[in-house]
């Protein structure tokens, strides 16, 4: 197999960690509050500024295993259900719940749905256009896919209503937590309330149709409606809405950024594109009938394509299988239709908070001849 080599232009940025544990440091016994890398805030929290070398040393020695997930108190205004339990407990609950929906056996049922949505996405947003901007289109694709698989919402017009509020929420959740009119944080709170209201309406409508077992849609909402807490009670509606909202925020920008950089490097490295194109065309030709949807077995054949995606992300493939399938289906339906060139050479990469091309990666499309 041809070796894939993609060099990232994203530079290292110092990583800041905040601690609120009783030991006074997120690195117990190793970094002290008087350490030059640490400084104390007025609220007695210890902040640690890690250089690239310190971060590698910290991770290589497994010290991150002593840490727990933590979010600032300001997040409670955006996700009010988090006031009921700690963020650590919420993370544990989600890890128990998600495998029921995201395990490989369950995901096999969703390949055809993913392929159908990808085909509709490229037909409506890419075809018959000379130029497109990749990043916003990728976000539309991921959002469409998420709403279909999470809550079985397929109406693209209704889904589009969530796009702007999610943008405000994504930028505000990590902003300075000043809740005054016009601030990013204030807009994020209003956006979260708007999205939550819509999700609660969907949840209540689904509950009216429930008959004591997962609905035929078998989406993540149907599983949450039947999931019991440790006390044996069903999850309440607000808790479900916040969990789905968290999944939408957590998966939207990350997956769409990966899709964008896949397009970027396929455009800049023609020999890599040729390898992906050859693999995907062979899979398309193996289908018994034209227009037949992708299957689980087809994705197993996309070894070179997944190697490319992993090199773009600069990681080996520990992503959830769900995210892996999102990217592979996107690549399959993309390269079957188009070859493309970037319109801005060496476009600047900004980190906000994820690395993305500054102008969203505008490209010129060259459709393949039928």
Protein backbone atom coordinates (compact mmCIF):
# COMPACT_ATOMS: atom_id res chain seq x y z
CA UNK A 1 0.00 0.00 0.00
CA UNK A 2 1.28 3.42 -0.93
CA UNK A 3 2.49 5.36 2.07
CA UNK A 4 0.49 8.44 2.88
CA UNK A 5 2.32 11.52 4.02
CA UNK A 6 0.58 14.74 4.91
CA UNK A 7 2.32 17.50 6.80
CA UNK A 8 0.18 19.72 8.95
CA UNK A 9 0.82 23.46 8.99
CA UNK A 10 -0.88 23.88 12.36
CA UNK A 11 1.63 25.19 14.90
CA UNK A 12 1.76 24.17 18.54
CA UNK A 13 -0.08 26.43 20.97
CA UNK A 14 0.51 26.34 24.74
CA UNK A 15 -2.13 24.30 26.54
CA UNK A 16 -3.80 25.82 29.57
CA UNK A 17 -5.40 23.59 32.18
CA UNK A 18 -7.56 24.72 35.07
CA UNK A 19 -7.91 22.77 38.29
CA UNK A 20 -10.51 22.94 41.01
CA UNK A 21 -9.56 19.81 42.97
CA UNK A 22 -8.61 19.84 46.61
CA UNK A 23 -4.96 19.00 46.01
CA UNK A 24 -4.36 22.44 44.49
CA UNK A 25 -2.93 21.09 41.22
CA UNK A 26 -4.09 18.86 38.41
CA UNK A 27 -0.70 17.13 38.56
CA UNK A 28 -0.63 15.84 42.17
CA UNK A 29 2.85 15.79 43.67
CA UNK A 30 4.54 16.82 40.44
CA UNK A 31 3.71 20.45 39.75
CA UNK A 32 3.51 22.78 42.74
CA UNK A 33 1.72 26.10 42.95
CA UNK A 34 5.10 27.85 43.23
CA UNK A 35 6.31 26.19 40.02
CA UNK A 36 7.20 28.82 37.35
CA UNK A 37 4.73 27.11 34.98
CA UNK A 38 1.87 27.60 37.45
CA UNK A 39 0.09 30.67 38.74
CA UNK A 40 -2.75 31.16 41.19
CA UNK A 41 -5.95 32.96 40.25
CA UNK A 42 -7.90 35.20 42.62
CA UNK A 43 -10.43 32.39 43.18
CA UNK A 44 -7.57 30.11 44.43
CA UNK A 45 -7.62 27.91 41.33
CA UNK A 46 -4.22 26.82 40.06
CA UNK A 47 -3.60 27.33 36.35
CA UNK A 48 -0.84 25.40 34.59
CA UNK A 49 0.80 26.57 31.38
CA UNK A 50 2.51 23.67 29.66
CA UNK A 51 5.19 23.98 27.03
CA UNK A 52 5.27 21.44 24.23
CA UNK A 53 8.02 19.47 26.01
CA UNK A 54 6.27 19.53 29.40
CA UNK A 55 3.01 18.39 27.85
CA UNK A 56 4.69 15.42 26.15
CA UNK A 57 6.46 14.46 29.37
CA UNK A 58 3.21 14.69 31.30
CA UNK A 59 1.32 12.51 28.83
CA UNK A 60 4.11 9.95 28.37
CA UNK A 61 4.26 9.28 32.12
CA UNK A 62 0.53 8.62 32.30
CA UNK A 63 -0.12 11.48 34.71
CA UNK A 64 -3.26 12.37 32.79
CA UNK A 65 -4.81 9.18 34.23
CA UNK A 66 -5.04 10.95 37.60
CA UNK A 67 -7.17 13.71 36.18
CA UNK A 68 -10.93 13.98 35.88
CA UNK A 69 -13.04 15.85 33.37
CA UNK A 70 -13.91 19.35 34.52
CA UNK A 71 -15.93 22.23 33.11
CA UNK A 72 -16.15 25.75 34.56
CA UNK A 73 -19.24 26.68 36.55
CA UNK A 74 -20.35 29.03 33.77
CA UNK A 75 -21.27 26.01 31.62
CA UNK A 76 -24.14 25.34 34.04
CA UNK A 77 -25.94 28.37 32.62
CA UNK A 78 -25.82 26.84 29.16
CA UNK A 79 -26.55 23.26 30.26
CA UNK A 80 -28.75 23.68 33.36
CA UNK A 81 -29.24 19.93 33.85
CA UNK A 82 -25.53 19.72 34.76
CA UNK A 83 -26.43 21.32 38.09
CA UNK A 84 -27.96 18.01 39.17
CA UNK A 85 -24.67 16.09 39.07
CA UNK A 86 -20.98 16.78 38.61
CA UNK A 87 -19.42 16.83 35.15
CA UNK A 88 -17.50 13.67 36.08
CA UNK A 89 -20.72 11.80 36.83
CA UNK A 90 -22.30 13.10 33.63
CA UNK A 91 -19.35 11.78 31.61
CA UNK A 92 -19.71 8.35 33.23
CA UNK A 93 -23.43 8.25 32.48
CA UNK A 94 -22.86 9.13 28.83
CA UNK A 95 -20.18 6.47 28.47
CA UNK A 96 -22.68 3.89 29.71
CA UNK A 97 -25.46 5.10 27.44
CA UNK A 98 -23.71 5.71 24.11
CA UNK A 99 -22.39 2.17 23.45
CA UNK A 100 -25.97 0.95 23.06
CA UNK A 101 -26.37 3.31 20.13
CA UNK A 102 -22.81 3.51 18.77
CA UNK A 103 -21.67 -0.12 19.03
CA UNK A 104 -20.59 -1.65 15.68
CA UNK A 105 -23.63 -3.93 15.44
CA UNK A 106 -25.93 -0.92 15.76
CA UNK A 107 -23.94 1.24 13.36
CA UNK A 108 -24.26 -1.32 10.57
CA UNK A 109 -27.90 -0.27 10.23
CA UNK A 110 -26.94 3.36 9.67
CA UNK A 111 -24.52 3.03 6.74
CA UNK A 112 -27.31 3.27 4.17
CA UNK A 113 -28.79 6.31 5.94
CA UNK A 114 -25.39 8.03 5.99
CA UNK A 115 -24.90 7.33 2.29
CA UNK A 116 -28.37 8.62 1.42
CA UNK A 117 -27.78 11.87 3.31
CA UNK A 118 -24.32 12.30 1.77
CA UNK A 119 -25.78 11.89 -1.72
CA UNK A 120 -28.50 14.46 -1.01
CA UNK A 121 -25.91 16.80 0.49
CA UNK A 122 -23.65 16.75 -2.56
CA UNK A 123 -26.61 16.97 -4.94
CA UNK A 124 -28.01 20.08 -3.23
CA UNK A 125 -24.85 21.87 -2.11
CA UNK A 126 -22.08 20.92 -4.56
CA UNK A 127 -23.39 19.81 -7.94
CA UNK A 128 -23.88 22.37 -10.74
CA UNK A 129 -21.54 24.78 -8.98
CA UNK A 130 -18.12 25.91 -10.18
CA UNK A 131 -16.86 26.94 -6.75
CA UNK A 132 -17.84 26.09 -3.17
CA UNK A 133 -16.56 26.87 0.33
CA UNK A 134 -15.93 23.55 2.01
CA UNK A 135 -16.06 24.18 5.78
CA UNK A 136 -19.61 25.59 6.04
CA UNK A 137 -20.86 22.88 3.67
CA UNK A 138 -19.18 20.21 5.78
CA UNK A 139 -20.90 21.57 8.88
CA UNK A 140 -24.25 21.36 7.08
CA UNK A 141 -23.56 17.72 6.19
CA UNK A 142 -22.58 16.75 9.74
CA UNK A 143 -25.56 18.62 11.21
CA UNK A 144 -27.99 16.94 8.79
CA UNK A 145 -26.52 13.55 9.61
CA UNK A 146 -26.57 14.16 13.37
CA UNK A 147 -30.22 15.20 13.47
CA UNK A 148 -31.22 12.22 11.36
CA UNK A 149 -29.39 9.70 13.54
CA UNK A 150 -29.99 11.35 16.91
CA UNK A 151 -33.67 12.35 16.65
CA UNK A 152 -34.77 11.07 13.20
CA UNK A 153 -35.31 14.60 11.89
CA UNK A 154 -35.00 14.65 8.08
CA UNK A 155 -36.55 17.95 7.00
CA UNK A 156 -33.56 19.98 5.77
CA UNK A 157 -35.49 23.24 6.18
CA UNK A 158 -36.23 22.50 9.83
CA UNK A 159 -32.65 21.36 10.46
CA UNK A 160 -31.29 24.57 8.90
CA UNK A 161 -33.04 26.57 11.66
CA UNK A 162 -30.59 25.07 14.17
CA UNK A 163 -27.48 26.13 12.26
CA UNK A 164 -27.16 29.76 13.42
CA UNK A 165 -28.01 29.05 17.10
CA UNK A 166 -25.45 26.24 17.14
CA UNK A 167 -22.83 28.64 15.76
CA UNK A 168 -23.55 31.10 18.57
CA UNK A 169 -23.51 28.32 21.14
CA UNK A 170 -20.25 26.79 19.92
CA UNK A 171 -18.43 30.14 20.02
CA UNK A 172 -19.96 31.26 23.31
CA UNK A 173 -19.47 28.13 25.39
CA UNK A 174 -15.70 28.70 25.48
CA UNK A 175 -15.83 32.50 25.68
CA UNK A 176 -15.24 34.71 28.71
CA UNK A 177 -18.29 34.00 30.93
CA UNK A 178 -19.70 37.53 31.13
CA UNK A 179 -23.48 37.34 31.00
CA UNK A 180 -24.31 40.80 29.68
CA UNK A 181 -26.44 41.66 26.62
CA UNK A 182 -24.40 41.44 23.43
CA UNK A 183 -21.59 39.27 24.81
CA UNK A 184 -20.80 35.89 23.18
CA UNK A 185 -21.64 34.13 26.44
CA UNK A 186 -25.05 35.82 26.68
CA UNK A 187 -25.81 34.93 23.05
CA UNK A 188 -24.77 31.33 23.77
CA UNK A 189 -27.23 31.11 26.68
CA UNK A 190 -30.07 32.44 24.51
CA UNK A 191 -29.12 30.07 21.68
CA UNK A 192 -29.04 27.07 24.01
CA UNK A 193 -32.50 27.95 25.34
CA UNK A 194 -33.84 28.22 21.79
CA UNK A 195 -32.38 24.87 20.72
CA UNK A 196 -33.48 23.21 23.95
CA UNK A 197 -37.07 24.38 23.40
CA UNK A 198 -37.10 22.79 19.94
CA UNK A 199 -35.55 19.57 21.23
CA UNK A 200 -38.06 19.37 24.09
CA UNK A 201 -40.90 19.63 21.55
CA UNK A 202 -39.40 16.72 19.60
CA UNK A 203 -38.91 14.70 22.80
CA UNK A 204 -42.51 15.23 23.96
CA UNK A 205 -43.86 14.32 20.55
CA UNK A 206 -41.83 11.11 20.61
CA UNK A 207 -42.99 10.26 24.14
CA UNK A 208 -46.60 10.53 23.00
CA UNK A 209 -45.89 7.82 20.42
CA UNK A 210 -43.84 5.57 22.71
CA UNK A 211 -45.30 2.18 23.65
CA UNK A 212 -42.76 0.86 26.12
CA UNK A 213 -40.04 -0.15 23.67
CA UNK A 214 -37.62 1.60 21.35
CA UNK A 215 -39.39 3.00 18.32
CA UNK A 216 -38.74 1.61 14.88
CA UNK A 217 -36.37 4.52 14.21
CA UNK A 218 -33.96 3.21 16.87
CA UNK A 219 -32.20 6.56 17.12
CA UNK A 220 -30.36 7.80 20.17
CA UNK A 221 -33.46 9.63 21.41
CA UNK A 222 -35.47 6.40 21.52
CA UNK A 223 -32.75 4.79 23.64
CA UNK A 224 -32.54 7.77 25.99
CA UNK A 225 -36.30 7.72 26.51
CA UNK A 226 -36.03 4.14 27.75
CA UNK A 227 -32.77 4.51 29.67
CA UNK A 228 -33.14 4.25 33.44
CA UNK A 229 -31.09 6.08 36.04
CA UNK A 230 -29.40 4.17 38.86
CA UNK A 231 -32.51 4.78 40.98
CA UNK A 232 -34.63 2.99 38.38
CA UNK A 233 -36.36 6.14 37.12
CA UNK A 234 -36.45 7.23 33.49
CA UNK A 235 -34.36 10.20 32.41
CA UNK A 236 -36.25 13.49 32.52
CA UNK A 237 -36.89 15.53 29.39
CA UNK A 238 -34.50 18.39 30.22
CA UNK A 239 -31.67 15.95 30.90
CA UNK A 240 -32.25 14.23 27.55
CA UNK A 241 -32.40 17.57 25.71
CA UNK A 242 -29.11 18.72 27.25
CA UNK A 243 -27.39 15.44 26.42
CA UNK A 244 -28.47 15.62 22.78
CA UNK A 245 -27.43 19.28 22.66
CA UNK A 246 -24.01 18.32 24.04
CA UNK A 247 -23.63 15.63 21.39
CA UNK A 248 -24.52 18.11 18.65
CA UNK A 249 -21.93 20.61 19.89
CA UNK A 250 -19.24 18.01 20.51
CA UNK A 251 -19.47 16.26 17.16
CA UNK A 252 -20.35 19.02 14.71
CA UNK A 253 -17.20 21.13 14.40
CA UNK A 254 -14.71 18.31 14.98
CA UNK A 255 -16.01 16.02 12.24
CA UNK A 256 -16.62 18.89 9.80
CA UNK A 257 -13.06 20.16 10.38
CA UNK A 258 -11.69 16.72 9.52
CA UNK A 259 -13.81 16.58 6.35
CA UNK A 260 -12.52 20.03 5.38
CA UNK A 261 -8.87 19.07 5.80
CA UNK A 262 -9.45 15.84 3.89
CA UNK A 263 -10.61 17.97 0.94
CA UNK A 264 -7.67 20.34 1.41
CA UNK A 265 -4.99 17.66 1.26
CA UNK A 266 -6.67 15.67 -1.50
CA UNK A 267 -6.63 18.87 -3.57
CA UNK A 268 -3.00 19.64 -2.75
CA UNK A 269 -1.69 16.07 -3.21
CA UNK A 270 -2.98 14.66 -6.51
CA UNK A 271 -1.28 11.28 -6.10
CA UNK A 272 -3.08 10.81 -2.77
CA UNK A 273 -6.37 11.75 -4.44
CA UNK A 274 -5.71 9.21 -7.19
CA UNK A 275 -5.26 6.45 -4.60
CA UNK A 276 -8.50 7.33 -2.82
CA UNK A 277 -10.37 7.70 -6.12
CA UNK A 278 -9.18 4.31 -7.35
CA UNK A 279 -10.29 2.61 -4.13
CA UNK A 280 -13.72 4.25 -4.10
CA UNK A 281 -14.40 3.59 -7.79
CA UNK A 282 -13.60 -0.10 -7.28
CA UNK A 283 -16.13 -0.21 -4.45
CA UNK A 284 -18.74 1.56 -6.61
CA UNK A 285 -18.16 -0.87 -9.50
CA UNK A 286 -18.59 -3.86 -7.18
CA UNK A 287 -22.23 -2.87 -6.51
CA UNK A 288 -24.81 -5.05 -8.22
CA UNK A 289 -26.92 -2.11 -9.36
CA UNK A 290 -26.26 1.56 -10.02
CA UNK A 291 -27.25 3.69 -7.05
CA UNK A 292 -26.99 0.83 -4.54
CA UNK A 293 -26.15 2.21 -1.11
CA UNK A 294 -22.94 1.54 0.81
CA UNK A 295 -22.81 -1.35 3.27
CA UNK A 296 -20.73 -2.22 6.32
CA UNK A 297 -18.55 -4.52 4.19
CA UNK A 298 -17.86 -1.67 1.78
CA UNK A 299 -16.45 0.51 4.55
CA UNK A 300 -14.10 -2.31 5.58
CA UNK A 301 -12.55 -2.10 2.10
CA UNK A 302 -11.75 1.61 2.49
CA UNK A 303 -8.37 0.98 4.10
CA UNK A 304 -6.39 3.46 2.03
CA UNK A 305 -9.05 6.16 2.45
CA UNK A 306 -9.06 5.70 6.23
CA UNK A 307 -5.26 5.79 6.24
CA UNK A 308 -5.48 9.17 4.52
CA UNK A 309 -8.04 10.45 7.03
CA UNK A 310 -5.90 9.31 9.97
CA UNK A 311 -2.84 11.00 8.53
CA UNK A 312 -4.83 14.20 8.09
CA UNK A 313 -5.88 14.05 11.74
CA UNK A 314 -2.33 13.12 12.76
CA UNK A 315 -3.60 10.28 14.94
CA UNK A 316 -4.01 6.53 14.69
CA UNK A 317 -7.70 5.59 14.51
CA UNK A 318 -9.06 5.70 18.08
CA UNK A 319 -12.08 7.78 17.02
CA UNK A 320 -15.50 6.36 17.68
CA UNK A 321 -16.73 4.13 14.88
CA UNK A 322 -19.56 6.59 14.26
CA UNK A 323 -17.13 9.41 13.40
CA UNK A 324 -15.06 7.04 11.26
CA UNK A 325 -18.10 6.16 9.17
CA UNK A 326 -19.08 9.83 8.78
CA UNK A 327 -15.71 10.62 7.24
CA UNK A 328 -15.49 7.53 5.01
CA UNK A 329 -18.98 8.02 3.56
CA UNK A 330 -18.15 11.69 2.93
CA UNK A 331 -14.94 10.74 1.09
CA UNK A 332 -16.71 8.05 -0.96
CA UNK A 333 -19.46 10.33 -2.27
CA UNK A 334 -17.06 13.25 -2.75
CA UNK A 335 -14.34 11.67 -4.89
CA UNK A 336 -16.86 9.73 -7.00
CA UNK A 337 -18.28 13.07 -8.13
CA UNK A 338 -15.47 15.60 -8.20
CA UNK A 339 -11.86 16.48 -8.53
CA UNK A 340 -11.06 19.90 -7.07
CA UNK A 341 -8.45 22.65 -6.72
CA UNK A 342 -7.98 25.05 -3.83
CA UNK A 343 -8.55 28.68 -4.79
CA UNK A 344 -6.28 30.14 -2.10
CA UNK A 345 -2.77 28.74 -2.12
CA UNK A 346 -1.31 28.14 1.35
CA UNK A 347 -4.47 29.42 3.03
CA UNK A 348 -3.79 30.48 6.60
CA UNK A 349 -4.88 28.03 9.31
CA UNK A 350 -6.49 29.60 12.36
CA UNK A 351 -7.32 27.93 15.67
CA UNK A 352 -10.79 29.00 16.84
CA UNK A 353 -10.81 26.70 18.85
CA UNK A 354 -10.17 23.98 16.23
CA UNK A 355 -7.68 24.38 13.39
CA UNK A 356 -9.63 25.48 10.31
CA UNK A 357 -8.73 27.33 7.07
CA UNK A 358 -9.25 31.05 7.61
CA UNK A 359 -11.58 31.49 4.60
CA UNK A 360 -13.32 28.12 4.97
CA UNK A 361 -11.35 26.49 2.12
CA UNK A 362 -12.90 27.70 -1.16
CA UNK A 363 -12.31 25.18 -3.97
CA UNK A 364 -13.01 24.93 -7.70
CA UNK A 365 -14.91 21.77 -8.66
CA UNK A 366 -14.21 19.56 -11.67
CA UNK A 367 -17.03 17.00 -12.00
CA UNK A 368 -16.09 13.58 -13.34
CA UNK A 369 -17.56 12.74 -16.72
CA UNK A 370 -20.31 10.14 -16.60
